[in-house]
Protein backbone atom coordinates (compact mmCIF):
# COMPACT_ATOMS: atom_id res chain seq x y z
CA MET A 1 25.62 -16.84 -3.99
CA SER A 2 21.85 -16.81 -4.42
CA ILE A 3 19.81 -13.72 -5.17
CA THR A 4 16.96 -12.73 -2.85
CA LEU A 5 13.39 -12.36 -4.11
CA ASN A 6 13.54 -8.66 -3.27
CA LYS A 7 16.70 -8.08 -5.32
CA PHE A 8 15.41 -10.19 -8.21
CA LEU A 9 12.08 -8.34 -8.44
CA LYS A 10 13.78 -4.95 -8.21
CA THR A 11 15.90 -5.90 -11.26
CA LYS A 12 12.60 -6.65 -13.05
CA GLY A 13 11.19 -3.18 -12.32
CA TYR A 14 9.16 -3.86 -9.18
CA SER A 15 8.95 -1.75 -6.05
CA SER A 16 7.96 -3.17 -2.68
CA GLU A 17 5.57 -1.98 0.00
CA LYS A 18 5.46 -3.29 3.54
CA LEU A 19 2.18 -4.85 4.64
CA ILE A 20 0.93 -4.89 8.21
CA PHE A 21 -0.48 -8.27 9.25
CA LEU A 22 -3.48 -7.63 11.49
CA GLU A 23 -4.84 -9.80 14.29
CA THR A 24 -7.85 -10.49 12.04
CA LYS A 25 -5.46 -12.16 9.52
CA HIS A 26 -5.96 -9.29 7.04
CA TYR A 27 -3.20 -7.25 5.49
CA LEU A 28 -3.27 -3.48 5.94
CA ILE A 29 -1.59 -1.20 3.42
CA GLU A 30 -1.20 2.55 3.12
CA ALA A 31 -2.28 4.10 -0.19
CA LYS A 32 -3.20 7.49 -1.59
CA VAL A 33 -6.42 8.17 -3.46
CA ASN A 34 -6.44 11.48 -5.30
CA GLY A 35 -3.41 12.54 -3.24
CA VAL A 36 -5.01 11.75 0.14
CA SER A 37 -3.47 9.06 2.37
CA GLY A 38 -5.61 6.27 3.70
CA ARG A 39 -5.64 2.87 5.36
CA PHE A 40 -6.76 -0.02 3.19
CA ILE A 41 -7.31 -3.73 3.62
CA LEU A 42 -5.62 -5.76 0.87
CA ASP A 43 -8.25 -8.23 -0.36
CA THR A 44 -7.23 -10.54 -3.20
CA GLY A 45 -10.81 -11.88 -3.31
CA ALA A 46 -12.41 -8.47 -3.87
CA SER A 47 -12.94 -7.92 -7.58
CA ASN A 48 -13.00 -4.12 -7.22
CA SER A 49 -11.21 -1.63 -5.02
CA CYS A 50 -13.51 0.38 -2.78
CA ILE A 51 -13.73 3.27 -0.37
CA CYS A 52 -16.27 3.97 2.33
CA THR A 53 -19.16 6.16 1.17
CA SER A 54 -18.74 8.46 4.17
CA LEU A 55 -15.19 9.29 3.01
CA GLU A 56 -16.03 10.46 -0.52
CA ASN A 57 -15.27 14.09 0.39
CA LYS A 58 -12.02 13.19 2.15
CA PHE A 59 -10.74 11.39 -0.96
CA LYS A 60 -12.15 13.98 -3.39
CA THR A 61 -14.20 11.42 -5.29
CA ILE A 62 -17.25 12.14 -7.39
CA SER A 63 -19.61 9.19 -7.25
CA MET A 64 -22.67 8.31 -9.24
CA GLU A 65 -25.27 5.61 -8.78
CA ASN A 66 -24.08 2.16 -9.75
CA LYS A 67 -26.52 -0.10 -11.60
CA GLU A 68 -24.60 -3.25 -10.77
CA LYS A 69 -25.19 -5.00 -7.47
CA ALA A 70 -22.19 -5.83 -5.37
CA SER A 71 -21.77 -8.64 -2.89
CA SER A 72 -19.34 -9.72 -0.25
CA ALA A 73 -18.62 -12.96 1.55
CA THR A 74 -21.00 -11.91 4.31
CA SER A 75 -23.90 -10.26 2.50
CA GLN A 76 -25.13 -8.44 -0.56
CA MET A 77 -24.48 -4.70 -0.54
CA THR A 78 -27.57 -3.09 -1.98
CA HIS A 79 -26.43 0.52 -2.23
CA THR A 80 -23.17 1.08 -4.04
CA LYS A 81 -21.88 3.95 -6.12
CA ILE A 82 -19.02 4.21 -8.59
CA SER A 83 -16.38 6.90 -8.81
CA LYS A 84 -14.50 6.94 -12.10
CA SER A 85 -10.95 7.98 -13.02
CA ASN A 86 -9.37 8.38 -9.59
CA THR A 87 -5.63 8.44 -9.04
CA ILE A 88 -4.36 5.65 -6.82
CA GLN A 89 -0.81 5.56 -5.48
CA ILE A 90 0.77 2.72 -3.54
CA GLY A 91 4.38 3.58 -2.79
CA LYS A 92 6.02 4.47 -6.11
CA TRP A 93 3.29 2.82 -8.22
CA GLU A 94 0.50 5.08 -9.53
CA ASP A 95 -2.40 4.73 -11.97
CA LYS A 96 -6.01 5.69 -12.68
CA ILE A 97 -8.76 3.47 -11.30
CA ASN A 98 -12.52 3.34 -10.82
CA LEU A 99 -13.63 2.86 -7.22
CA ILE A 100 -16.79 1.36 -5.79
CA THR A 101 -18.13 3.23 -2.77
CA PHE A 102 -20.32 1.64 -0.11
CA ASP A 103 -20.99 1.83 3.62
CA MET A 104 -18.14 0.05 5.40
CA SER A 105 -19.41 0.62 8.93
CA HIS A 106 -19.99 -3.13 9.44
CA ILE A 107 -16.34 -3.82 8.50
CA ASN A 108 -15.03 -1.10 10.82
CA HIS A 109 -17.31 -2.29 13.61
CA ALA A 110 -15.77 -5.78 13.38
CA LEU A 111 -12.25 -4.28 13.34
CA ASN A 112 -13.09 -2.07 16.33
CA GLU A 113 -14.07 -5.16 18.33
CA LYS A 114 -10.46 -6.34 17.85
CA LYS A 115 -9.19 -2.85 18.81
CA ILE A 116 -8.01 -2.15 15.24
CA ASN A 117 -8.35 1.39 13.89
CA PRO A 118 -10.90 1.89 11.09
CA ILE A 119 -10.01 1.40 7.45
CA ASP A 120 -10.85 3.76 4.62
CA GLY A 121 -11.26 1.15 1.94
CA ILE A 122 -10.22 -2.03 0.19
CA ILE A 123 -7.51 -2.65 -2.39
CA GLY A 124 -8.88 -5.37 -4.64
CA ALA A 125 -7.92 -7.60 -7.54
CA ASP A 126 -8.44 -4.81 -10.08
CA ILE A 127 -5.43 -2.90 -8.75
CA LEU A 128 -3.44 -6.07 -8.05
CA LYS A 129 -3.89 -7.21 -11.65
CA LYS A 130 -3.21 -3.77 -13.13
CA SER A 131 0.02 -3.43 -11.11
CA LYS A 132 1.13 -7.02 -11.85
CA ALA A 133 1.31 -7.44 -8.08
CA ILE A 134 3.23 -10.18 -6.33
CA LEU A 135 2.38 -10.89 -2.71
CA ASP A 136 5.23 -12.27 -0.61
CA TYR A 137 3.62 -13.81 2.45
CA LYS A 138 6.95 -14.75 4.01
CA SER A 139 8.21 -11.16 4.20
CA ASN A 140 4.78 -9.42 4.35
CA LYS A 141 5.54 -7.36 1.25
CA LEU A 142 3.56 -6.41 -1.81
CA TYR A 143 5.55 -5.96 -5.03
CA LEU A 144 4.13 -3.70 -7.76
CA LYS A 145 5.48 -3.39 -11.31
CA LEU A 146 6.52 0.19 -12.07
């Protein structure tokens, strides 16, 4: 009898979270920032996790100007801020993380054209690396090391 990936990873201390595969070919995941639930795109190519600037109050973040420029696959984002030492929770996994904040209206506009509800932010490689994440494309699950 063979062991499933799910059972194997659970024996290694991982928990799993279901991902929603969107029409845009993005994965959507639920997460909590500072205890507040939100909708996030999982982006393995994003170096930093982010939230939309307009949602800083919702997620109880305190942001300050960011000296570093940020860029995306589509354009350079000239105005970003950084919010340090926020609590992030994805399922049972939880840790402290810095978040970049920027205007995500262009992202939500593109999602709206596909009739997809707006997102609050992006889960990037910083969290994926910190959580020793494993992405199972076959079952649309994200495994995080507890």
